[in-house]
Structure formats: C-alpha cells, structure tokens
N, C-alpha and C. Protein backbone atom coordinates (compact mmCIF):
# COMPACT_ATOMS: atom_id res chain seq x y z
N MET A 1 -28.53 -115.45 111.91
CA MET A 1 -29.07 -115.19 110.58
C MET A 1 -28.39 -116.13 109.57
N ILE A 2 -29.18 -116.68 108.70
CA ILE A 2 -28.67 -117.54 107.63
C ILE A 2 -28.26 -116.65 106.47
N GLU A 3 -27.02 -116.80 106.03
CA GLU A 3 -26.49 -116.01 104.92
C GLU A 3 -26.39 -116.93 103.70
N VAL A 4 -27.05 -116.54 102.62
CA VAL A 4 -27.08 -117.34 101.40
C VAL A 4 -26.34 -116.56 100.31
N TYR A 5 -25.36 -117.21 99.69
CA TYR A 5 -24.58 -116.59 98.63
C TYR A 5 -24.84 -117.33 97.33
N GLY A 6 -25.11 -116.57 96.27
CA GLY A 6 -25.36 -117.17 94.97
C GLY A 6 -25.91 -116.14 94.02
N ILE A 7 -26.69 -116.60 93.03
CA ILE A 7 -27.36 -115.68 92.12
C ILE A 7 -28.84 -116.03 92.10
N LYS A 8 -29.67 -115.00 92.01
CA LYS A 8 -31.12 -115.18 92.12
C LYS A 8 -31.69 -116.14 91.09
N SER A 9 -31.08 -116.18 89.90
CA SER A 9 -31.63 -116.99 88.82
C SER A 9 -31.19 -118.46 88.88
N CYS A 10 -30.30 -118.81 89.78
CA CYS A 10 -29.79 -120.18 89.90
C CYS A 10 -30.85 -121.10 90.51
N GLY A 11 -31.08 -122.24 89.88
CA GLY A 11 -32.07 -123.19 90.37
C GLY A 11 -31.80 -123.66 91.79
N SER A 12 -30.56 -123.96 92.12
CA SER A 12 -30.22 -124.43 93.46
C SER A 12 -30.41 -123.34 94.51
N VAL A 13 -30.11 -122.11 94.14
CA VAL A 13 -30.32 -120.98 95.06
C VAL A 13 -31.82 -120.80 95.29
N LYS A 14 -32.61 -120.90 94.23
CA LYS A 14 -34.06 -120.79 94.37
C LYS A 14 -34.60 -121.87 95.31
N LYS A 15 -34.10 -123.10 95.19
CA LYS A 15 -34.56 -124.19 96.06
C LYS A 15 -34.20 -123.90 97.52
N ALA A 16 -32.99 -123.39 97.75
CA ALA A 16 -32.58 -123.07 99.12
C ALA A 16 -33.47 -121.97 99.70
N VAL A 17 -33.71 -120.92 98.93
CA VAL A 17 -34.55 -119.81 99.39
C VAL A 17 -35.97 -120.31 99.67
N GLN A 18 -36.50 -121.15 98.79
CA GLN A 18 -37.84 -121.71 99.01
C GLN A 18 -37.89 -122.54 100.29
N PHE A 19 -36.83 -123.30 100.55
CA PHE A 19 -36.74 -124.10 101.78
C PHE A 19 -36.82 -123.18 103.00
N PHE A 20 -36.04 -122.11 103.01
CA PHE A 20 -36.03 -121.20 104.15
C PHE A 20 -37.38 -120.51 104.31
N GLN A 21 -37.99 -120.11 103.21
CA GLN A 21 -39.31 -119.47 103.27
C GLN A 21 -40.37 -120.44 103.78
N LYS A 22 -40.35 -121.66 103.26
CA LYS A 22 -41.34 -122.68 103.66
C LYS A 22 -41.29 -122.94 105.16
N HIS A 23 -40.08 -122.90 105.73
CA HIS A 23 -39.89 -123.22 107.15
C HIS A 23 -39.76 -121.96 108.02
N ASN A 24 -40.14 -120.82 107.44
CA ASN A 24 -40.11 -119.54 108.17
C ASN A 24 -38.77 -119.26 108.84
N LEU A 25 -37.70 -119.51 108.09
CA LEU A 25 -36.35 -119.26 108.59
C LEU A 25 -35.85 -117.95 107.99
N GLU A 26 -35.32 -117.10 108.84
CA GLU A 26 -34.83 -115.80 108.39
C GLU A 26 -33.49 -115.98 107.69
N TYR A 27 -33.38 -115.39 106.51
CA TYR A 27 -32.15 -115.50 105.73
C TYR A 27 -31.89 -114.17 105.02
N ARG A 28 -30.67 -114.03 104.54
CA ARG A 28 -30.30 -112.87 103.73
C ARG A 28 -29.57 -113.41 102.50
N LEU A 29 -29.99 -112.95 101.31
CA LEU A 29 -29.39 -113.40 100.06
C LEU A 29 -28.36 -112.39 99.58
N HIS A 30 -27.17 -112.87 99.30
CA HIS A 30 -26.10 -112.06 98.72
C HIS A 30 -25.94 -112.51 97.27
N ASP A 31 -26.36 -111.67 96.35
CA ASP A 31 -26.30 -112.00 94.93
C ASP A 31 -24.91 -111.66 94.39
N PHE A 32 -24.23 -112.68 93.84
CA PHE A 32 -22.89 -112.49 93.28
C PHE A 32 -22.87 -111.41 92.20
N LYS A 33 -23.98 -111.26 91.48
CA LYS A 33 -24.01 -110.28 90.40
C LYS A 33 -24.13 -108.85 90.92
N ALA A 34 -24.64 -108.69 92.14
CA ALA A 34 -24.81 -107.37 92.73
C ALA A 34 -23.71 -107.04 93.75
N GLN A 35 -23.21 -108.07 94.43
CA GLN A 35 -22.20 -107.88 95.48
C GLN A 35 -21.09 -108.91 95.30
N ASN A 36 -19.89 -108.45 95.01
CA ASN A 36 -18.77 -109.39 94.90
C ASN A 36 -18.43 -109.97 96.26
N VAL A 37 -18.05 -111.23 96.26
CA VAL A 37 -17.56 -111.89 97.46
C VAL A 37 -16.07 -111.62 97.53
N THR A 38 -15.59 -111.21 98.68
CA THR A 38 -14.18 -110.88 98.82
C THR A 38 -13.32 -112.14 98.87
N CYS A 39 -12.06 -111.97 98.58
CA CYS A 39 -11.11 -113.08 98.65
C CYS A 39 -10.98 -113.56 100.10
N GLU A 40 -11.13 -112.65 101.05
CA GLU A 40 -11.06 -113.02 102.46
C GLU A 40 -12.19 -114.00 102.81
N ARG A 41 -13.40 -113.73 102.27
CA ARG A 41 -14.53 -114.62 102.54
C ARG A 41 -14.28 -115.98 101.88
N VAL A 42 -13.78 -115.97 100.66
CA VAL A 42 -13.46 -117.24 99.98
C VAL A 42 -12.45 -118.02 100.82
N SER A 43 -11.45 -117.34 101.36
CA SER A 43 -10.46 -118.01 102.21
C SER A 43 -11.10 -118.62 103.44
N LEU A 44 -12.04 -117.89 104.07
CA LEU A 44 -12.75 -118.42 105.24
C LEU A 44 -13.54 -119.68 104.86
N TRP A 45 -14.20 -119.65 103.71
CA TRP A 45 -14.95 -120.82 103.26
C TRP A 45 -14.02 -122.00 103.05
N LEU A 46 -12.84 -121.73 102.51
CA LEU A 46 -11.90 -122.82 102.23
C LEU A 46 -11.28 -123.40 103.50
N GLU A 47 -11.43 -122.72 104.62
CA GLU A 47 -11.03 -123.30 105.90
C GLU A 47 -12.04 -124.35 106.35
N LYS A 48 -13.27 -124.27 105.79
CA LYS A 48 -14.35 -125.17 106.20
C LYS A 48 -14.72 -126.21 105.15
N THR A 49 -14.25 -126.03 103.93
CA THR A 49 -14.55 -126.99 102.87
C THR A 49 -13.39 -127.05 101.89
N ASP A 50 -13.40 -128.04 101.06
CA ASP A 50 -12.34 -128.27 100.09
C ASP A 50 -12.57 -127.44 98.83
N ILE A 51 -11.51 -127.06 98.16
CA ILE A 51 -11.60 -126.31 96.91
C ILE A 51 -12.42 -127.08 95.87
N LYS A 52 -12.35 -128.40 95.90
CA LYS A 52 -13.09 -129.22 94.94
C LYS A 52 -14.60 -129.08 95.14
N VAL A 53 -15.02 -128.79 96.36
CA VAL A 53 -16.43 -128.58 96.66
C VAL A 53 -16.86 -127.18 96.22
N LEU A 54 -16.03 -126.20 96.46
CA LEU A 54 -16.38 -124.80 96.23
C LEU A 54 -16.23 -124.37 94.77
N PHE A 55 -15.26 -124.94 94.06
CA PHE A 55 -14.98 -124.53 92.68
C PHE A 55 -15.89 -125.29 91.73
N ASN A 56 -16.70 -124.55 90.98
CA ASN A 56 -17.69 -125.17 90.09
C ASN A 56 -17.13 -125.34 88.68
N SER A 57 -16.58 -126.51 88.43
CA SER A 57 -16.00 -126.79 87.12
C SER A 57 -17.05 -127.19 86.09
N LYS A 58 -18.32 -127.15 86.49
CA LYS A 58 -19.41 -127.47 85.55
C LYS A 58 -20.18 -126.21 85.14
N SER A 59 -19.71 -125.06 85.59
CA SER A 59 -20.43 -123.82 85.33
C SER A 59 -20.20 -123.31 83.91
N THR A 60 -21.12 -122.48 83.47
CA THR A 60 -20.98 -121.83 82.17
C THR A 60 -19.73 -120.96 82.15
N SER A 61 -19.47 -120.28 83.26
CA SER A 61 -18.28 -119.42 83.35
C SER A 61 -17.00 -120.22 83.15
N TYR A 62 -16.94 -121.40 83.74
CA TYR A 62 -15.77 -122.27 83.61
C TYR A 62 -15.52 -122.60 82.13
N ARG A 63 -16.59 -122.95 81.43
CA ARG A 63 -16.46 -123.29 80.01
C ARG A 63 -16.13 -122.05 79.18
N THR A 64 -16.80 -120.94 79.46
CA THR A 64 -16.58 -119.71 78.70
C THR A 64 -15.15 -119.22 78.85
N LEU A 65 -14.62 -119.31 80.05
CA LEU A 65 -13.25 -118.86 80.31
C LEU A 65 -12.20 -119.89 79.87
N GLN A 66 -12.67 -121.04 79.40
CA GLN A 66 -11.80 -122.12 78.91
C GLN A 66 -10.74 -122.52 79.95
N LEU A 67 -11.20 -122.68 81.18
CA LEU A 67 -10.28 -122.99 82.27
C LEU A 67 -9.84 -124.45 82.28
N LYS A 68 -10.61 -125.33 81.67
CA LYS A 68 -10.24 -126.75 81.66
C LYS A 68 -8.86 -126.95 81.03
N GLU A 69 -8.60 -126.20 79.98
CA GLU A 69 -7.33 -126.33 79.27
C GLU A 69 -6.13 -125.90 80.12
N LEU A 70 -6.37 -125.13 81.17
CA LEU A 70 -5.28 -124.60 81.99
C LEU A 70 -4.83 -125.57 83.09
N ASN A 71 -5.59 -126.65 83.33
CA ASN A 71 -5.24 -127.60 84.40
C ASN A 71 -4.88 -126.87 85.70
N LEU A 72 -5.83 -126.14 86.24
CA LEU A 72 -5.60 -125.31 87.42
C LEU A 72 -5.31 -126.14 88.67
N ASP A 73 -4.32 -125.71 89.43
CA ASP A 73 -4.09 -126.32 90.74
C ASP A 73 -4.96 -125.59 91.77
N ALA A 74 -4.95 -126.05 93.00
CA ALA A 74 -5.83 -125.50 94.04
C ALA A 74 -5.56 -124.01 94.28
N ILE A 75 -4.33 -123.60 94.24
CA ILE A 75 -4.00 -122.18 94.49
C ILE A 75 -4.57 -121.31 93.38
N THR A 76 -4.40 -121.75 92.14
CA THR A 76 -4.91 -120.99 91.00
C THR A 76 -6.44 -121.01 90.97
N GLN A 77 -7.05 -122.13 91.38
CA GLN A 77 -8.51 -122.18 91.46
C GLN A 77 -9.01 -121.14 92.46
N LYS A 78 -8.35 -121.04 93.60
CA LYS A 78 -8.75 -120.04 94.60
C LYS A 78 -8.63 -118.63 94.02
N GLU A 79 -7.56 -118.36 93.30
CA GLU A 79 -7.38 -117.05 92.68
C GLU A 79 -8.53 -116.73 91.73
N TRP A 80 -8.94 -117.74 90.96
CA TRP A 80 -10.06 -117.56 90.04
C TRP A 80 -11.37 -117.32 90.80
N LEU A 81 -11.59 -118.03 91.89
CA LEU A 81 -12.80 -117.82 92.69
C LEU A 81 -12.86 -116.38 93.20
N CYS A 82 -11.71 -115.84 93.57
CA CYS A 82 -11.66 -114.48 94.10
C CYS A 82 -11.99 -113.44 93.03
N LYS A 83 -11.57 -113.68 91.81
CA LYS A 83 -11.81 -112.67 90.78
C LYS A 83 -13.04 -112.94 89.92
N GLU A 84 -13.55 -114.15 89.96
CA GLU A 84 -14.72 -114.52 89.15
C GLU A 84 -15.68 -115.32 90.02
N ASN A 85 -16.52 -114.62 90.78
CA ASN A 85 -17.42 -115.26 91.74
C ASN A 85 -18.38 -116.25 91.12
N LEU A 86 -18.68 -116.12 89.85
CA LEU A 86 -19.61 -117.06 89.21
C LEU A 86 -19.02 -118.46 89.08
N LEU A 87 -17.76 -118.63 89.43
CA LEU A 87 -17.15 -119.96 89.47
C LEU A 87 -17.41 -120.67 90.79
N ILE A 88 -18.01 -119.97 91.76
CA ILE A 88 -18.31 -120.56 93.06
C ILE A 88 -19.57 -121.40 92.93
N LYS A 89 -19.50 -122.64 93.42
CA LYS A 89 -20.68 -123.51 93.40
C LYS A 89 -21.75 -122.88 94.29
N ARG A 90 -23.00 -122.99 93.84
CA ARG A 90 -24.09 -122.30 94.53
C ARG A 90 -25.15 -123.27 95.01
N PRO A 91 -25.86 -122.84 96.07
CA PRO A 91 -25.56 -121.71 96.95
C PRO A 91 -24.50 -122.08 97.98
N VAL A 92 -23.88 -121.05 98.51
CA VAL A 92 -23.02 -121.21 99.69
C VAL A 92 -23.84 -120.64 100.84
N VAL A 93 -24.03 -121.44 101.88
CA VAL A 93 -24.86 -121.02 103.01
C VAL A 93 -24.03 -121.03 104.29
N GLU A 94 -23.99 -119.88 104.94
CA GLU A 94 -23.31 -119.75 106.23
C GLU A 94 -24.38 -119.70 107.31
N PHE A 95 -24.17 -120.49 108.35
CA PHE A 95 -25.09 -120.49 109.49
C PHE A 95 -24.25 -120.80 110.73
N GLY A 96 -23.99 -119.77 111.51
CA GLY A 96 -23.09 -119.94 112.65
C GLY A 96 -21.72 -120.36 112.14
N GLU A 97 -21.23 -121.46 112.66
CA GLU A 97 -19.93 -121.99 112.22
C GLU A 97 -20.06 -122.97 111.06
N LYS A 98 -21.29 -123.24 110.64
CA LYS A 98 -21.52 -124.22 109.58
C LYS A 98 -21.45 -123.57 108.20
N LEU A 99 -21.03 -124.37 107.22
CA LEU A 99 -20.98 -123.94 105.84
C LEU A 99 -21.53 -125.07 104.99
N LEU A 100 -22.55 -124.76 104.20
CA LEU A 100 -23.11 -125.75 103.27
C LEU A 100 -22.91 -125.22 101.86
N VAL A 101 -22.52 -126.11 100.95
CA VAL A 101 -22.32 -125.73 99.55
C VAL A 101 -23.23 -126.60 98.70
N GLY A 102 -24.05 -125.95 97.87
CA GLY A 102 -25.02 -126.67 97.06
C GLY A 102 -26.30 -126.85 97.86
N PHE A 103 -27.33 -127.38 97.19
CA PHE A 103 -28.59 -127.61 97.88
C PHE A 103 -28.87 -129.10 97.97
N ASN A 104 -29.10 -129.56 99.20
CA ASN A 104 -29.52 -130.93 99.46
C ASN A 104 -30.55 -130.83 100.59
N GLU A 105 -31.80 -131.11 100.26
CA GLU A 105 -32.88 -130.90 101.22
C GLU A 105 -32.68 -131.68 102.51
N GLU A 106 -32.21 -132.90 102.44
CA GLU A 106 -32.00 -133.70 103.66
C GLU A 106 -30.92 -133.06 104.54
N ASN A 107 -29.85 -132.60 103.94
CA ASN A 107 -28.81 -131.90 104.71
C ASN A 107 -29.37 -130.64 105.37
N TYR A 108 -30.16 -129.89 104.61
CA TYR A 108 -30.75 -128.67 105.14
C TYR A 108 -31.68 -128.99 106.32
N LYS A 109 -32.49 -130.03 106.18
CA LYS A 109 -33.37 -130.41 107.29
C LYS A 109 -32.56 -130.73 108.53
N GLY A 110 -31.45 -131.46 108.37
CA GLY A 110 -30.61 -131.82 109.50
C GLY A 110 -29.96 -130.64 110.18
N VAL A 111 -29.63 -129.62 109.42
CA VAL A 111 -28.97 -128.45 109.98
C VAL A 111 -29.94 -127.41 110.51
N PHE A 112 -31.03 -127.17 109.79
CA PHE A 112 -31.89 -126.02 110.09
C PHE A 112 -33.19 -126.37 110.83
N LEU A 113 -33.59 -127.65 110.82
CA LEU A 113 -34.87 -127.98 111.46
C LEU A 113 -34.68 -128.80 112.73
C-alpha cells in the first residue's frame, strides 16, 4: 500500500493523489491536520532522506513561526518537525522501503509504473 502524508489542500499532495488515481494505484492519505505524525516516524524518514529535504523552510508555518531568525541546526529542525508537522515538505510518500518527498511526475513514474 502506498502511504501519502501531507494535507489535502496542498497542491503537491493533490498532484500525487491524482497520479495514483489516474494509474489505479491504491493509496492511503494521512492528513497532517487530522493525524499528527509521530517523532518516531519522522526519525524513520530521516534514516532515508536528509533533513534538508524533509524540512520545508519555504512553508507558511516556517515564516509564521519566524524560524529563520533562529538559525536552526539539524537536531533542532528535527525537533520542530516532530512538534509542528506542517513544517514537513509535502507530500511524503512511503512505498515499501522507498521514501519520496515532494511531487515529481518522472520520479513517480519510475517508482510506481
């Protein structure tokens, strides 16, 4: 089963969901606003990707929380991801042992088709 993490209103999440629907691929959407992602899951993701990929420093939440001024290191960025899921770049897609962050149609075709 393809696990998609993000928020329903996010453009990139919508593109990923449309891709899965178009290709009749079964998926499950985990909405950050309805279900918090645990710190354990964030840690698992960070075993497969870099904090710079997972931490969304371009998000509205990042600006609202004024995190730029704090010059966060990787450990502090992870702590913020655990307590503020909207800082996670979207979508995060788990498929078997694979982890994809963000939407790139060519990457998705290579992994899922």
